[in-house]
Amino acid sequence: MGRAQSPESCVLPDLLQVLAHPWTMQILCALSHHGPLRFSELKMRVEGISSRVLTERLRQLAYRDLIFRRYEISIPPAVTYGMTKRARKLGKILHELEAVARKWKSVTPQRAGKRRPETI
């Protein structure tokens, strides 16, 4: 049997496990920046992802209630994916992480062999 978690237990690993899957962050960033997208549009926004992997990730994210899948009856059928209210709360964090990543990417070490460790 598993132990009951105390209110002080860190639940962050549960969320990070979902977000750490390959391509998940790119999918959420694309939906966060561009709003709801159809499959083909989303595939274009997430460069390099295969259709199979995109389908798998979308299913996983929908199961976790991080994205919605809207099916519209038409010829051909229109399927749109977007962030749920729950995931939109992550949108702010994703934008902040992206800003930090851009800043870090723009900073090049002066001497790769003689870098001083950063202090927090």
PDB file of N, CA and C in Angstrom:
ATOM      1  N   MET A   1       0.832  -1.183   0.000  1.00  0.00           N
ATOM      2  CA  MET A   1       0.000   0.000   0.000  1.00  0.00           C
ATOM      3  C   MET A   1       0.875   1.244   0.000  1.00  0.00           C
ATOM      4  N   GLY A   2       0.414   2.288  -0.678  1.00  0.00           N
ATOM      5  CA  GLY A   2       1.141   3.542  -0.699  1.00  0.00           C
ATOM      6  C   GLY A   2       0.865   4.353   0.554  1.00  0.00           C
ATOM      7  N   ARG A   3       1.807   5.191   0.877  1.00  0.00           N
ATOM      8  CA  ARG A   3       1.634   6.054   2.035  1.00  0.00           C
ATOM      9  C   ARG A   3       0.808   7.268   1.659  1.00  0.00           C
ATOM     10  N   ALA A   4       0.024   7.719   2.599  1.00  0.00           N
ATOM     11  CA  ALA A   4      -0.747   8.947   2.382  1.00  0.00           C
ATOM     12  C   ALA A   4       0.214  10.120   2.418  1.00  0.00           C
ATOM     13  N   GLN A   5       0.019  11.064   1.508  1.00  0.00           N
ATOM     14  CA  GLN A   5       0.901  12.223   1.483  1.00  0.00           C
ATOM     15  C   GLN A   5       0.415  13.274   2.453  1.00  0.00           C
ATOM     16  N   SER A   6       1.360  13.864   3.127  1.00  0.00           N
ATOM     17  CA  SER A   6       1.016  14.957   4.021  1.00  0.00           C
ATOM     18  C   SER A   6       0.824  16.209   3.184  1.00  0.00           C
ATOM     19  N   PRO A   7       0.132  17.214   3.720  1.00  0.00           N
ATOM     20  CA  PRO A   7      -0.074  18.447   2.956  1.00  0.00           C
ATOM     21  C   PRO A   7       1.238  19.115   2.553  1.00  0.00           C
ATOM     22  N   GLU A   8       2.297  18.830   3.285  1.00  0.00           N
ATOM     23  CA  GLU A   8       3.586  19.448   2.991  1.00  0.00           C
ATOM     24  C   GLU A   8       4.349  18.700   1.905  1.00  0.00           C
ATOM     25  N   SER A   9       3.871  17.514   1.485  1.00  0.00           N
ATOM     26  CA  SER A   9       4.568  16.730   0.471  1.00  0.00           C
ATOM     27  C   SER A   9       4.625  17.512  -0.836  1.00  0.00           C
ATOM     28  N   CYS A  10       5.727  17.358  -1.506  1.00  0.00           N
ATOM     29  CA  CYS A  10       5.912  18.041  -2.784  1.00  0.00           C
ATOM     30  C   CYS A  10       5.209  17.250  -3.886  1.00  0.00           C
ATOM     31  N   VAL A  11       4.274  17.876  -4.543  1.00  0.00           N
ATOM     32  CA  VAL A  11       3.553  17.233  -5.642  1.00  0.00           C
ATOM     33  C   VAL A  11       4.114  17.669  -6.997  1.00  0.00           C
ATOM     34  N   LEU A  12       5.119  18.488  -6.980  1.00  0.00           N
ATOM     35  CA  LEU A  12       5.715  18.986  -8.213  1.00  0.00           C
ATOM     36  C   LEU A  12       6.221  17.871  -9.127  1.00  0.00           C
ATOM     37  N   PRO A  13       6.825  16.796  -8.598  1.00  0.00           N
ATOM     38  CA  PRO A  13       7.276  15.727  -9.499  1.00  0.00           C
ATOM     39  C   PRO A  13       6.152  15.139 -10.358  1.00  0.00           C
ATOM     40  N   ASP A  14       4.933  15.084  -9.858  1.00  0.00           N
ATOM     41  CA  ASP A  14       3.811  14.568 -10.644  1.00  0.00           C
ATOM     42  C   ASP A  14       3.581  15.426 -11.885  1.00  0.00           C
ATOM     43  N   LEU A  15       3.584  16.732 -11.703  1.00  0.00           N
ATOM     44  CA  LEU A  15       3.385  17.646 -12.826  1.00  0.00           C
ATOM     45  C   LEU A  15       4.577  17.593 -13.777  1.00  0.00           C
ATOM     46  N   LEU A  16       5.772  17.607 -13.215  1.00  0.00           N
ATOM     47  CA  LEU A  16       6.966  17.601 -14.058  1.00  0.00           C
ATOM     48  C   LEU A  16       7.081  16.315 -14.872  1.00  0.00           C
ATOM     49  N   GLN A  17       6.601  15.209 -14.337  1.00  0.00           N
ATOM     50  CA  GLN A  17       6.629  13.954 -15.082  1.00  0.00           C
ATOM     51  C   GLN A  17       5.789  14.065 -16.358  1.00  0.00           C
ATOM     52  N   VAL A  18       4.654  14.729 -16.261  1.00  0.00           N
ATOM     53  CA  VAL A  18       3.800  14.929 -17.437  1.00  0.00           C
ATOM     54  C   VAL A  18       4.476  15.886 -18.418  1.00  0.00           C
ATOM     55  N   LEU A  19       4.997  16.987 -17.921  1.00  0.00           N
ATOM     56  CA  LEU A  19       5.583  18.012 -18.784  1.00  0.00           C
ATOM     57  C   LEU A  19       6.909  17.601 -19.393  1.00  0.00           C
ATOM     58  N   ALA A  20       7.601  16.649 -18.779  1.00  0.00           N
ATOM     59  CA  ALA A  20       8.935  16.270 -19.237  1.00  0.00           C
ATOM     60  C   ALA A  20       8.934  15.332 -20.439  1.00  0.00           C
ATOM     61  N   HIS A  21       7.776  14.809 -20.830  1.00  0.00           N
ATOM     62  CA  HIS A  21       7.747  13.945 -22.008  1.00  0.00           C
ATOM     63  C   HIS A  21       8.234  14.735 -23.220  1.00  0.00           C
ATOM     64  N   PRO A  22       8.990  14.082 -24.095  1.00  0.00           N
ATOM     65  CA  PRO A  22       9.446  14.778 -25.293  1.00  0.00           C
ATOM     66  C   PRO A  22       8.283  15.390 -26.069  1.00  0.00           C
ATOM     67  N   TRP A  23       8.465  16.606 -26.520  1.00  0.00           N
ATOM     68  CA  TRP A  23       7.546  17.376 -27.340  1.00  0.00           C
ATOM     69  C   TRP A  23       6.394  18.027 -26.564  1.00  0.00           C
ATOM     70  N   THR A  24       6.159  17.632 -25.338  1.00  0.00           N
ATOM     71  CA  THR A  24       5.020  18.171 -24.593  1.00  0.00           C
ATOM     72  C   THR A  24       5.131  19.680 -24.404  1.00  0.00           C
ATOM     73  N   MET A  25       6.285  20.155 -24.001  1.00  0.00           N
ATOM     74  CA  MET A  25       6.451  21.592 -23.775  1.00  0.00           C
ATOM     75  C   MET A  25       6.286  22.372 -25.082  1.00  0.00           C
ATOM     76  N   GLN A  26       6.795  21.819 -26.191  1.00  0.00           N
ATOM     77  CA  GLN A  26       6.659  22.506 -27.470  1.00  0.00           C
ATOM     78  C   GLN A  26       5.194  22.603 -27.890  1.00  0.00           C
ATOM     79  N   ILE A  27       4.433  21.544 -27.647  1.00  0.00           N
ATOM     80  CA  ILE A  27       3.011  21.553 -27.982  1.00  0.00           C
ATOM     81  C   ILE A  27       2.282  22.591 -27.148  1.00  0.00           C
ATOM     82  N   LEU A  28       2.536  22.589 -25.843  1.00  0.00           N
ATOM     83  CA  LEU A  28       1.865  23.551 -24.962  1.00  0.00           C
ATOM     84  C   LEU A  28       2.274  24.985 -25.285  1.00  0.00           C
ATOM     85  N   CYS A  29       3.531  25.194 -25.627  1.00  0.00           N
ATOM     86  CA  CYS A  29       3.972  26.546 -26.004  1.00  0.00           C
ATOM     87  C   CYS A  29       3.277  27.004 -27.283  1.00  0.00           C
ATOM     88  N   ALA A  30       3.174  26.119 -28.261  1.00  0.00           N
ATOM     89  CA  ALA A  30       2.503  26.476 -29.517  1.00  0.00           C
ATOM     90  C   ALA A  30       1.051  26.840 -29.263  1.00  0.00           C
ATOM     91  N   LEU A  31       0.359  26.051 -28.464  1.00  0.00           N
ATOM     92  CA  LEU A  31      -1.044  26.344 -28.173  1.00  0.00           C
ATOM     93  C   LEU A  31      -1.180  27.600 -27.318  1.00  0.00           C
ATOM     94  N   SER A  32      -0.224  27.829 -26.452  1.00  0.00           N
ATOM     95  CA  SER A  32      -0.255  29.019 -25.601  1.00  0.00           C
ATOM     96  C   SER A  32      -0.058  30.290 -26.432  1.00  0.00           C
ATOM     97  N   HIS A  33       0.844  30.226 -27.400  1.00  0.00           N
ATOM     98  CA  HIS A  33       1.142  31.396 -28.234  1.00  0.00           C
ATOM     99  C   HIS A  33       0.096  31.654 -29.311  1.00  0.00           C
ATOM    100  N   HIS A  34      -0.450  30.584 -29.884  1.00  0.00           N
ATOM    101  CA  HIS A  34      -1.304  30.733 -31.071  1.00  0.00           C
ATOM    102  C   HIS A  34      -2.772  30.408 -30.848  1.00  0.00           C
ATOM    103  N   GLY A  35      -3.125  29.963 -29.648  1.00  0.00           N
ATOM    104  CA  GLY A  35      -4.507  29.603 -29.389  1.00  0.00           C
ATOM    105  C   GLY A  35      -4.848  28.259 -30.008  1.00  0.00           C
ATOM    106  N   PRO A  36      -6.133  27.901 -30.032  1.00  0.00           N
ATOM    107  CA  PRO A  36      -6.533  26.606 -30.577  1.00  0.00           C
ATOM    108  C   PRO A  36      -6.085  26.442 -32.026  1.00  0.00           C
ATOM    109  N   LEU A  37      -5.579  25.242 -32.333  1.00  0.00           N
ATOM    110  CA  LEU A  37      -5.064  24.949 -33.672  1.00  0.00           C
ATOM    111  C   LEU A  37      -5.578  23.599 -34.159  1.00  0.00           C
ATOM    112  N   ARG A  38      -5.698  23.483 -35.453  1.00  0.00           N
ATOM    113  CA  ARG A  38      -6.003  22.184 -36.045  1.00  0.00           C
ATOM    114  C   ARG A  38      -4.721  21.371 -36.078  1.00  0.00           C
ATOM    115  N   PHE A  39      -4.863  20.062 -36.245  1.00  0.00           N
ATOM    116  CA  PHE A  39      -3.724  19.149 -36.177  1.00  0.00           C
ATOM    117  C   PHE A  39      -2.591  19.584 -37.103  1.00  0.00           C
ATOM    118  N   SER A  40      -2.917  19.847 -38.367  1.00  0.00           N
ATOM    119  CA  SER A  40      -1.878  20.200 -39.342  1.00  0.00           C
ATOM    120  C   SER A  40      -1.183  21.513 -38.978  1.00  0.00           C
ATOM    121  N   GLU A  41      -1.938  22.468 -38.461  1.00  0.00           N
ATOM    122  CA  GLU A  41      -1.343  23.739 -38.036  1.00  0.00           C
ATOM    123  C   GLU A  41      -0.407  23.520 -36.847  1.00  0.00           C
ATOM    124  N   LEU A  42      -0.850  22.694 -35.919  1.00  0.00           N
ATOM    125  CA  LEU A  42      -0.040  22.402 -34.738  1.00  0.00           C
ATOM    126  C   LEU A  42       1.242  21.680 -35.149  1.00  0.00           C
ATOM    127  N   LYS A  43       1.129  20.754 -36.085  1.00  0.00           N
ATOM    128  CA  LYS A  43       2.305  20.018 -36.560  1.00  0.00           C
ATOM    129  C   LYS A  43       3.314  20.962 -37.202  1.00  0.00           C
ATOM    130  N   MET A  44       2.835  21.968 -37.922  1.00  0.00           N
ATOM    131  CA  MET A  44       3.741  22.955 -38.523  1.00  0.00           C
ATOM    132  C   MET A  44       4.412  23.811 -37.457  1.00  0.00           C
ATOM    133  N   ARG A  45       3.702  24.125 -36.376  1.00  0.00           N
ATOM    134  CA  ARG A  45       4.250  24.972 -35.312  1.00  0.00           C
ATOM    135  C   ARG A  45       5.275  24.245 -34.442  1.00  0.00           C
ATOM    136  N   VAL A  46       5.158  22.918 -34.377  1.00  0.00           N
ATOM    137  CA  VAL A  46       6.089  22.111 -33.583  1.00  0.00           C
ATOM    138  C   VAL A  46       7.022  21.417 -34.580  1.00  0.00           C
ATOM    139  N   GLU A  47       8.065  22.111 -34.956  1.00  0.00           N
ATOM    140  CA  GLU A  47       8.969  21.625 -35.998  1.00  0.00           C
ATOM    141  C   GLU A  47       9.647  20.329 -35.587  1.00  0.00           C
ATOM    142  N   GLY A  48       9.604  19.360 -36.506  1.00  0.00           N
ATOM    143  CA  GLY A  48      10.321  18.115 -36.306  1.00  0.00           C
ATOM    144  C   GLY A  48       9.515  16.983 -35.703  1.00  0.00           C
ATOM    145  N   ILE A  49       8.326  17.255 -35.204  1.00  0.00           N
ATOM    146  CA  ILE A  49       7.525  16.203 -34.580  1.00  0.00           C
ATOM    147  C   ILE A  49       6.830  15.384 -35.661  1.00  0.00           C
ATOM    148  N   SER A  50       6.763  14.077 -35.440  1.00  0.00           N
ATOM    149  CA  SER A  50       6.069  13.213 -36.397  1.00  0.00           C
ATOM    150  C   SER A  50       4.569  13.223 -36.089  1.00  0.00           C
ATOM    151  N   SER A  51       3.781  12.850 -37.050  1.00  0.00           N
ATOM    152  CA  SER A  51       2.324  12.794 -36.853  1.00  0.00           C
ATOM    153  C   SER A  51       1.965  11.793 -35.768  1.00  0.00           C
ATOM    154  N   ARG A  52       2.672  10.662 -35.742  1.00  0.00           N
ATOM    155  CA  ARG A  52       2.395   9.627 -34.739  1.00  0.00           C
ATOM    156  C   ARG A  52       2.665  10.134 -33.325  1.00  0.00           C
ATOM    157  N   VAL A  53       3.811  10.778 -33.134  1.00  0.00           N
ATOM    158  CA  VAL A  53       4.165  11.284 -31.801  1.00  0.00           C
ATOM    159  C   VAL A  53       3.221  12.416 -31.397  1.00  0.00           C
ATOM    160  N   LEU A  54       2.883  13.292 -32.328  1.00  0.00           N
ATOM    161  CA  LEU A  54       1.956  14.371 -32.019  1.00  0.00           C
ATOM    162  C   LEU A  54       0.608  13.805 -31.587  1.00  0.00           C
ATOM    163  N   THR A  55       0.130  12.790 -32.280  1.00  0.00           N
ATOM    164  CA  THR A  55      -1.134  12.151 -31.906  1.00  0.00           C
ATOM    165  C   THR A  55      -1.058  11.573 -30.500  1.00  0.00           C
ATOM    166  N   GLU A  56       0.036  10.882 -30.195  1.00  0.00           N
ATOM    167  CA  GLU A  56       0.213  10.294 -28.861  1.00  0.00           C
ATOM    168  C   GLU A  56       0.231  11.364 -27.779  1.00  0.00           C
ATOM    169  N   ARG A  57       0.993  12.428 -28.007  1.00  0.00           N
ATOM    170  CA  ARG A  57       1.097  13.484 -26.994  1.00  0.00           C
ATOM    171  C   ARG A  57      -0.248  14.183 -26.801  1.00  0.00           C
ATOM    172  N   LEU A  58      -0.963  14.425 -27.879  1.00  0.00           N
ATOM    173  CA  LEU A  58      -2.266  15.072 -27.763  1.00  0.00           C
ATOM    174  C   LEU A  58      -3.222  14.210 -26.955  1.00  0.00           C
ATOM    175  N   ARG A  59      -3.182  12.910 -27.168  1.00  0.00           N
ATOM    176  CA  ARG A  59      -4.032  12.003 -26.387  1.00  0.00           C
ATOM    177  C   ARG A  59      -3.662  12.052 -24.911  1.00  0.00           C
ATOM    178  N   GLN A  60      -2.360  12.027 -24.620  1.00  0.00           N
ATOM    179  CA  GLN A  60      -1.904  12.072 -23.231  1.00  0.00           C
ATOM    180  C   GLN A  60      -2.309  13.386 -22.563  1.00  0.00           C
ATOM    181  N   LEU A  61      -2.141  14.479 -23.264  1.00  0.00           N
ATOM    182  CA  LEU A  61      -2.484  15.783 -22.700  1.00  0.00           C
ATOM    183  C   LEU A  61      -3.989  15.924 -22.513  1.00  0.00           C
ATOM    184  N   ALA A  62      -4.764  15.373 -23.423  1.00  0.00           N
ATOM    185  CA  ALA A  62      -6.224  15.411 -23.280  1.00  0.00           C
ATOM    186  C   ALA A  62      -6.647  14.551 -22.088  1.00  0.00           C
ATOM    187  N   TYR A  63      -6.013  13.407 -21.915  1.00  0.00           N
ATOM    188  CA  TYR A  63      -6.322  12.524 -20.778  1.00  0.00           C
ATOM    189  C   TYR A  63      -6.046  13.237 -19.457  1.00  0.00           C
ATOM    190  N   ARG A  64      -4.981  14.053 -19.431  1.00  0.00           N
ATOM    191  CA  ARG A  64      -4.622  14.811 -18.220  1.00  0.00           C
ATOM    192  C   ARG A  64      -5.399  16.116 -18.090  1.00  0.00           C
ATOM    193  N   ASP A  65      -6.325  16.348 -18.996  1.00  0.00           N
ATOM    194  CA  ASP A  65      -7.153  17.556 -19.012  1.00  0.00           C
ATOM    195  C   ASP A  65      -6.314  18.829 -19.137  1.00  0.00           C
ATOM    196  N   LEU A  66      -5.248  18.736 -19.941  1.00  0.00           N
ATOM    197  CA  LEU A  66      -4.437  19.918 -20.208  1.00  0.00           C
ATOM    198  C   LEU A  66      -4.801  20.533 -21.554  1.00  0.00           C
ATOM    199  N   ILE A  67      -5.350  19.724 -22.443  1.00  0.00           N
ATOM    200  CA  ILE A  67      -5.849  20.260 -23.716  1.00  0.00           C
ATOM    201  C   ILE A  67      -7.238  19.695 -23.978  1.00  0.00           C
ATOM    202  N   PHE A  68      -7.978  20.402 -24.815  1.00  0.00           N
ATOM    203  CA  PHE A  68      -9.270  19.892 -25.248  1.00  0.00           C
ATOM    204  C   PHE A  68      -9.165  19.505 -26.720  1.00  0.00           C
ATOM    205  N   ARG A  69     -10.053  18.640 -27.138  1.00  0.00           N
ATOM    206  CA  ARG A  69     -10.150  18.204 -28.532  1.00  0.00           C
ATOM    207  C   ARG A  69     -11.582  18.484 -28.972  1.00  0.00           C
ATOM    208  N   ARG A  70     -11.745  19.420 -29.885  1.00  0.00           N
ATOM    209  CA  ARG A  70     -13.071  19.785 -30.368  1.00  0.00           C
ATOM    210  C   ARG A  70     -13.249  19.206 -31.770  1.00  0.00           C
ATOM    211  N   TYR A  71     -14.249  18.354 -31.905  1.00  0.00           N
ATOM    212  CA  TYR A  71     -14.553  17.695 -33.183  1.00  0.00           C
ATOM    213  C   TYR A  71     -15.788  18.348 -33.780  1.00  0.00           C
ATOM    214  N   GLU A  72     -15.650  18.855 -34.995  1.00  0.00           N
ATOM    215  CA  GLU A  72     -16.771  19.480 -35.681  1.00  0.00           C
ATOM    216  C   GLU A  72     -17.131  18.632 -36.903  1.00  0.00           C
ATOM    217  N   ILE A  73     -18.393  18.304 -36.995  1.00  0.00           N
ATOM    218  CA  ILE A  73     -18.848  17.506 -38.131  1.00  0.00           C
ATOM    219  C   ILE A  73     -18.866  18.386 -39.371  1.00  0.00           C
ATOM    220  N   SER A  74     -18.031  18.010 -40.310  1.00  0.00           N
ATOM    221  CA  SER A  74     -17.961  18.708 -41.590  1.00  0.00           C
ATOM    222  C   SER A  74     -17.271  17.759 -42.566  1.00  0.00           C
ATOM    223  N   ILE A  75     -17.114  18.192 -43.790  1.00  0.00           N
ATOM    224  CA  ILE A  75     -16.415  17.378 -44.776  1.00  0.00           C
ATOM    225  C   ILE A  75     -15.214  18.189 -45.261  1.00  0.00           C
ATOM    226  N   PRO A  76     -13.998  17.812 -44.957  1.00  0.00           N
ATOM    227  CA  PRO A  76     -13.607  16.771 -44.000  1.00  0.00           C
ATOM    228  C   PRO A  76     -13.862  17.231 -42.562  1.00  0.00           C
ATOM    229  N   PRO A  77     -13.889  16.295 -41.611  1.00  0.00           N
ATOM    230  CA  PRO A  77     -14.119  16.668 -40.217  1.00  0.00           C
ATOM    231  C   PRO A  77     -13.039  17.636 -39.735  1.00  0.00           C
ATOM    232  N   ALA A  78     -13.429  18.602 -38.934  1.00  0.00           N
ATOM    233  CA  ALA A  78     -12.492  19.582 -38.385  1.00  0.00           C
ATOM    234  C   ALA A  78     -12.247  19.262 -36.914  1.00  0.00           C
ATOM    235  N   VAL A  79     -10.991  19.009 -36.577  1.00  0.00           N
ATOM    236  CA  VAL A  79     -10.616  18.735 -35.191  1.00  0.00           C
ATOM    237  C   VAL A  79      -9.668  19.832 -34.750  1.00  0.00           C
ATOM    238  N   THR A  80     -10.008  20.479 -33.651  1.00  0.00           N
ATOM    239  CA  THR A  80      -9.209  21.577 -33.123  1.00  0.00           C
ATOM    240  C   THR A  80      -8.734  21.212 -31.728  1.00  0.00           C
ATOM    241  N   TYR A  81      -7.491  21.585 -31.425  1.00  0.00           N
ATOM    242  CA  TYR A  81      -6.905  21.340 -30.118  1.00  0.00           C
ATOM    243  C   TYR A  81      -6.564  22.684 -29.480  1.00  0.00           C
ATOM    244  N   GLY A  82      -6.807  22.785 -28.184  1.00  0.00           N
ATOM    245  CA  GLY A  82      -6.483  24.009 -27.466  1.00  0.00           C
ATOM    246  C   GLY A  82      -6.237  23.718 -25.996  1.00  0.00           C
ATOM    247  N   MET A  83      -5.760  24.709 -25.298  1.00  0.00           N
ATOM    248  CA  MET A  83      -5.454  24.547 -23.880  1.00  0.00           C
ATOM    249  C   MET A  83      -6.732  24.671 -23.052  1.00  0.00           C
ATOM    250  N   THR A  84      -6.856  23.813 -22.069  1.00  0.00           N
ATOM    251  CA  THR A  84      -7.983  23.905 -21.149  1.00  0.00           C
ATOM    252  C   THR A  84      -7.708  25.026 -20.149  1.00  0.00           C
ATOM    253  N   LYS A  85      -8.715  25.370 -19.386  1.00  0.00           N
ATOM    254  CA  LYS A  85      -8.550  26.392 -18.349  1.00  0.00           C
ATOM    255  C   LYS A  85      -7.428  25.993 -17.396  1.00  0.00           C
ATOM    256  N   ARG A  86      -7.393  24.710 -17.097  1.00  0.00           N
ATOM    257  CA  ARG A  86      -6.355  24.180 -16.206  1.00  0.00           C
ATOM    258  C   ARG A  86      -4.961  24.418 -16.790  1.00  0.00           C
ATOM    259  N   ALA A  87      -4.798  24.181 -18.066  1.00  0.00           N
ATOM    260  CA  ALA A  87      -3.495  24.345 -18.703  1.00  0.00           C
ATOM    261  C   ALA A  87      -3.141  25.808 -18.919  1.00  0.00           C
ATOM    262  N   ARG A  88      -4.147  26.656 -19.103  1.00  0.00           N
ATOM    263  CA  ARG A  88      -3.857  28.078 -19.304  1.00  0.00           C
ATOM    264  C   ARG A  88      -3.163  28.674 -18.088  1.00  0.00           C
ATOM    265  N   LYS A  89      -3.378  28.084 -16.924  1.00  0.00           N
ATOM    266  CA  LYS A  89      -2.646  28.533 -15.745  1.00  0.00           C
ATOM    267  C   LYS A  89      -1.150  28.272 -15.915  1.00  0.00           C
ATOM    268  N   LEU A  90      -0.819  27.229 -16.663  1.00  0.00           N
ATOM    269  CA  LEU A  90       0.585  26.946 -16.966  1.00  0.00           C
ATOM    270  C   LEU A  90       1.142  27.925 -17.991  1.00  0.00           C
ATOM    271  N   GLY A  91       0.272  28.528 -18.784  1.00  0.00           N
ATOM    272  CA  GLY A  91       0.710  29.432 -19.837  1.00  0.00           C
ATOM    273  C   GLY A  91       1.594  30.545 -19.334  1.00  0.00           C
ATOM    274  N   LYS A  92       1.234  31.133 -18.211  1.00  0.00           N
ATOM    275  CA  LYS A  92       2.046  32.213 -17.634  1.00  0.00           C
ATOM    276  C   LYS A  92       3.428  31.700 -17.265  1.00  0.00           C
ATOM    277  N   ILE A  93       3.458  30.506 -16.682  1.00  0.00           N
ATOM    278  CA  ILE A  93       4.734  29.918 -16.282  1.00  0.00           C
ATOM    279  C   ILE A  93       5.567  29.574 -17.516  1.00  0.00           C
ATOM    280  N   LEU A  94       4.921  29.052 -18.551  1.00  0.00           N
ATOM    281  CA  LEU A  94       5.627  28.721 -19.784  1.00  0.00           C
ATOM    282  C   LEU A  94       6.264  29.960 -20.401  1.00  0.00           C
ATOM    283  N   HIS A  95       5.532  31.075 -20.387  1.00  0.00           N
ATOM    284  CA  HIS A  95       6.077  32.320 -20.948  1.00  0.00           C
ATOM    285  C   HIS A  95       7.280  32.794 -20.131  1.00  0.00           C
ATOM    286  N   GLU A  96       7.209  32.663 -18.820  1.00  0.00           N
ATOM    287  CA  GLU A  96       8.338  33.067 -17.978  1.00  0.00           C
ATOM    288  C   GLU A  96       9.537  32.160 -18.214  1.00  0.00           C
ATOM    289  N   LEU A  97       9.306  30.855 -18.304  1.00  0.00           N
ATOM    290  CA  LEU A  97      10.397  29.920 -18.590  1.00  0.00           C
ATOM    291  C   LEU A  97      11.014  30.208 -19.956  1.00  0.00           C
ATOM    292  N   GLU A  98      10.170  30.529 -20.913  1.00  0.00           N
ATOM    293  CA  GLU A  98      10.669  30.841 -22.253  1.00  0.00           C
ATOM    294  C   GLU A  98      11.549  32.092 -22.230  1.00  0.00           C
ATOM    295  N   ALA A  99      11.149  33.095 -21.464  1.00  0.00           N
ATOM    296  CA  ALA A  99      11.948  34.319 -21.350  1.00  0.00           C
ATOM    297  C   ALA A  99      13.315  34.016 -20.730  1.00  0.00           C
ATOM    298  N   VAL A 100      13.320  33.199 -19.701  1.00  0.00           N
ATOM    299  CA  VAL A 100      14.592  32.812 -19.074  1.00  0.00           C
ATOM    300  C   VAL A 100      15.442  32.027 -20.061  1.00  0.00           C
ATOM    301  N   ALA A 101      14.829  31.091 -20.797  1.00  0.00           N
ATOM    302  CA  ALA A 101      15.572  30.289 -21.769  1.00  0.00           C
ATOM    303  C   ALA A 101      16.173  31.173 -22.861  1.00  0.00           C
ATOM    304  N   ARG A 102      15.416  32.161 -23.327  1.00  0.00           N
ATOM    305  CA  ARG A 102      15.942  33.081 -24.353  1.00  0.00           C
ATOM    306  C   ARG A 102      17.117  33.886 -23.797  1.00  0.00           C
ATOM    307  N   LYS A 103      16.989  34.330 -22.556  1.00  0.00           N
ATOM    308  CA  LYS A 103      18.063  35.109 -21.935  1.00  0.00           C
ATOM    309  C   LYS A 103      19.316  34.250 -21.791  1.00  0.00           C
ATOM    310  N   TRP A 104      19.143  33.029 -21.313  1.00  0.00           N
ATOM    311  CA  TRP A 104      20.285  32.139 -21.130  1.00  0.00           C
ATOM    312  C   TRP A 104      20.918  31.771 -22.461  1.00  0.00           C
ATOM    313  N   LYS A 105      20.095  31.613 -23.487  1.00  0.00           N
ATOM    314  CA  LYS A 105      20.622  31.259 -24.804  1.00  0.00           C
ATOM    315  C   LYS A 105      21.457  32.395 -25.374  1.00  0.00           C
ATOM    316  N   SER A 106      21.067  33.617 -25.080  1.00  0.00           N
ATOM    317  CA  SER A 106      21.780  34.773 -25.628  1.00  0.00           C
ATOM    318  C   SER A 106      23.091  35.042 -24.903  1.00  0.00           C
ATOM    319  N   VAL A 107      23.247  34.509 -23.709  1.00  0.00           N
ATOM    320  CA  VAL A 107      24.471  34.717 -22.941  1.00  0.00           C
ATOM    321  C   VAL A 107      25.449  33.607 -23.296  1.00  0.00           C
ATOM    322  N   THR A 108      26.591  33.996 -23.856  1.00  0.00           N
ATOM    323  CA  THR A 108      27.598  33.003 -24.197  1.00  0.00           C
ATOM    324  C   THR A 108      28.723  33.085 -23.178  1.00  0.00           C
ATOM    325  N   PRO A 109      29.206  31.948 -22.732  1.00  0.00           N
ATOM    326  CA  PRO A 109      30.298  31.970 -21.770  1.00  0.00           C
ATOM    327  C   PRO A 109      31.537  32.613 -22.388  1.00  0.00           C
ATOM    328  N   GLN A 110      32.247  33.411 -21.590  1.00  0.00           N
ATOM    329  CA  GLN A 110      33.440  34.087 -22.101  1.00  0.00           C
ATOM    330  C   GLN A 110      34.532  33.084 -22.417  1.00  0.00           C
ATOM    331  N   ARG A 111      34.695  32.149 -21.524  1.00  0.00           N
ATOM    332  CA  ARG A 111      35.709  31.116 -21.727  1.00  0.00           C
ATOM    333  C   ARG A 111      35.101  29.810 -21.245  1.00  0.00           C
ATOM    334  N   ALA A 112      34.854  28.920 -22.163  1.00  0.00           N
ATOM    335  CA  ALA A 112      34.160  27.677 -21.825  1.00  0.00           C
ATOM    336  C   ALA A 112      34.872  26.877 -20.741  1.00  0.00           C
ATOM    337  N   GLY A 113      36.198  26.895 -20.741  1.00  0.00           N
ATOM    338  CA  GLY A 113      36.940  26.103 -19.764  1.00  0.00           C
ATOM    339  C   GLY A 113      37.045  26.743 -18.396  1.00  0.00           C
ATOM    340  N   LYS A 114      36.802  28.027 -18.275  1.00  0.00           N
ATOM    341  CA  LYS A 114      37.013  28.727 -17.015  1.00  0.00           C
ATOM    342  C   LYS A 114      35.779  29.486 -16.569  1.00  0.00           C
ATOM    343  N   ARG A 115      34.671  28.802 -16.560  1.00  0.00           N
ATOM    344  CA  ARG A 115      33.431  29.453 -16.089  1.00  0.00           C
ATOM    345  C   ARG A 115      33.339  29.333 -14.593  1.00  0.00           C
ATOM    346  N   ARG A 116      32.887  30.397 -13.974  1.00  0.00           N
ATOM    347  CA  ARG A 116      32.642  30.367 -12.539  1.00  0.00           C
ATOM    348  C   ARG A 116      31.211  29.905 -12.313  1.00  0.00           C
ATOM    349  N   PRO A 117      30.998  29.091 -11.292  1.00  0.00           N
ATOM    350  CA  PRO A 117      29.618  28.680 -11.007  1.00  0.00           C
ATOM    351  C   PRO A 117      28.774  29.869 -10.582  1.00  0.00           C
ATOM    352  N   GLU A 118      27.535  29.861 -11.041  1.00  0.00           N
ATOM    353  CA  GLU A 118      26.614  30.944 -10.659  1.00  0.00           C
ATOM    354  C   GLU A 118      26.136  30.744  -9.243  1.00  0.00           C
ATOM    355  N   THR A 119      25.888  31.859  -8.585  1.00  0.00           N
ATOM    356  CA  THR A 119      25.273  31.768  -7.255  1.00  0.00           C
ATOM    357  C   THR A 119      23.801  32.030  -7.389  1.00  0.00           C
ATOM    358  N   ILE A 120      23.050  31.402  -6.573  1.00  0.00           N
ATOM    359  CA  ILE A 120      21.606  31.537  -6.643  1.00  0.00           C
ATOM    360  C   ILE A 120      21.132  32.632  -5.720  1.00  0.00           C
TER     361      ILE A 120
END
